[in-house]
Amino acid sequence: MSAMIHVEVVYALPQRQEVVAVKLPEGATVRQAVEASGLLDKYPDIELDRRNKLGIYAKLVKADAEVRDRDRVEVYRPLIADPKAVRKKRADEGKVMKKGGGSAEEEA
């Protein structure tokens, strides 16, 4: 019988984040952690092999990466807009960006 490990699986939504604690056998993968969390059933828009990227503590990993005890597996939503394109558009419009996003005009 192999040892069990504890892993958190997180999926951030616009208004809140889902955090699910799972118990897995040692040697389990990121994919197995996500599947055990039940998030795939609860959120059918999650597509591990297509749209959504995965990470452990904000570092991108593949679905077959092995998880360790107390890892935090993160399921990332796809970006709606390319951040570089948004910055370029703001620069083209002549807006000055402030730290944290938005334009300086919004502060005044």
Protein backbone atom coordinates (compact mmCIF):
# COMPACT_ATOMS: atom_id res chain seq x y z
CA MET A 1 0.00 0.00 0.00
CA SER A 2 1.52 3.33 -1.06
CA ALA A 3 1.54 6.44 1.07
CA MET A 4 -1.12 9.07 0.55
CA ILE A 5 -0.43 12.74 -0.17
CA HIS A 6 -2.63 15.83 0.26
CA VAL A 7 -2.99 18.25 -2.65
CA GLU A 8 -5.13 21.37 -3.24
CA VAL A 9 -6.67 21.92 -6.67
CA VAL A 10 -7.67 25.51 -7.48
CA TYR A 11 -9.77 26.99 -10.29
CA ALA A 12 -10.14 30.77 -10.26
CA LEU A 13 -13.37 32.22 -11.58
CA PRO A 14 -13.98 35.94 -12.17
CA GLN A 15 -15.88 36.41 -8.87
CA ARG A 16 -14.41 33.65 -6.70
CA GLN A 17 -12.08 30.69 -6.64
CA GLU A 18 -12.85 27.04 -6.11
CA VAL A 19 -10.40 25.26 -3.81
CA VAL A 20 -10.71 21.50 -3.41
CA ALA A 21 -8.51 19.38 -1.15
CA VAL A 22 -7.84 15.87 -2.45
CA LYS A 23 -6.01 12.86 -1.09
CA LEU A 24 -4.02 10.89 -3.69
CA PRO A 25 -1.57 8.00 -3.74
CA GLU A 26 2.11 8.95 -3.95
CA GLY A 27 3.18 9.26 -7.60
CA ALA A 28 -0.13 10.75 -8.77
CA THR A 29 -0.11 13.25 -11.63
CA VAL A 30 -1.52 16.75 -12.01
CA ARG A 31 -4.25 15.33 -14.28
CA GLN A 32 -5.24 12.78 -11.63
CA ALA A 33 -5.43 15.54 -9.01
CA VAL A 34 -7.73 17.65 -11.20
CA GLU A 35 -9.91 14.63 -12.01
CA ALA A 36 -10.14 13.67 -8.31
CA SER A 37 -11.19 17.23 -7.40
CA GLY A 38 -14.48 16.96 -9.30
CA LEU A 39 -13.88 20.33 -10.98
CA LEU A 40 -14.12 18.78 -14.45
CA ASP A 41 -17.69 17.67 -13.70
CA LYS A 42 -18.65 20.95 -12.04
CA TYR A 43 -17.14 23.14 -14.79
CA PRO A 44 -17.47 21.43 -18.20
CA ASP A 45 -15.72 24.40 -19.86
CA ILE A 46 -12.39 23.14 -18.43
CA GLU A 47 -10.49 21.39 -21.23
CA LEU A 48 -7.16 20.10 -19.91
CA ASP A 49 -5.78 19.08 -23.30
CA ARG A 50 -6.87 22.19 -25.15
CA ARG A 51 -7.79 25.53 -23.63
CA ASN A 52 -6.66 25.38 -20.02
CA LYS A 53 -3.09 25.39 -18.83
CA LEU A 54 -2.02 23.87 -15.53
CA GLY A 55 0.46 24.91 -12.88
CA ILE A 56 1.84 24.11 -9.47
CA TYR A 57 2.36 27.23 -7.37
CA ALA A 58 2.20 29.52 -10.45
CA LYS A 59 4.74 27.50 -12.45
CA LEU A 60 3.37 25.96 -15.65
CA VAL A 61 3.48 22.16 -15.74
CA LYS A 62 2.23 19.41 -18.02
CA ALA A 63 -0.76 17.27 -17.04
CA ASP A 64 1.50 14.24 -16.57
CA ALA A 65 3.78 16.01 -14.05
CA GLU A 66 3.94 14.29 -10.68
CA VAL A 67 2.47 16.08 -7.67
CA ARG A 68 4.04 16.09 -4.23
CA ASP A 69 2.52 16.32 -0.78
CA ARG A 70 0.99 19.77 -0.10
CA ASP A 71 1.25 20.96 -3.72
CA ARG A 72 -1.26 23.52 -4.98
CA VAL A 73 -2.41 22.53 -8.48
CA GLU A 74 -3.85 25.46 -10.42
CA VAL A 75 -6.16 25.29 -13.44
CA TYR A 76 -5.78 28.49 -15.46
CA ARG A 77 -8.58 29.99 -17.54
CA PRO A 78 -7.62 31.08 -21.07
CA LEU A 79 -6.88 34.77 -21.56
CA ILE A 80 -9.64 36.74 -23.25
CA ALA A 81 -7.27 39.34 -24.68
CA ASP A 82 -3.56 39.27 -25.38
CA PRO A 83 -1.89 41.54 -22.77
CA LYS A 84 0.68 42.75 -25.30
CA ALA A 85 -2.06 43.75 -27.74
CA VAL A 86 -3.92 45.64 -24.99
CA ARG A 87 -0.77 47.58 -24.02
CA LYS A 88 -0.06 48.38 -27.67
CA LYS A 89 -3.61 49.63 -28.20
CA ARG A 90 -3.36 51.90 -25.14
CA ALA A 91 -0.01 53.23 -26.36
CA ASP A 92 -1.48 53.89 -29.80
CA GLU A 93 -4.34 55.81 -28.18
CA GLY A 94 -1.81 57.91 -26.24
CA LYS A 95 -2.98 56.88 -22.79
CA VAL A 96 -0.46 56.83 -19.96
CA MET A 97 -0.61 53.66 -17.95
CA LYS A 98 -0.41 53.73 -14.17
CA LYS A 99 0.95 50.94 -12.04
CA GLY A 100 -1.68 48.21 -11.67
CA GLY A 101 -3.37 48.78 -15.03
CA GLY A 102 -5.95 51.27 -16.21
CA SER A 103 -5.16 54.73 -17.46
CA ALA A 104 -3.90 57.74 -15.53
CA GLU A 105 -7.01 59.65 -16.66
CA GLU A 106 -9.23 57.36 -14.57
CA GLU A 107 -7.58 58.59 -11.35
CA ALA A 108 -8.41 62.26 -11.89
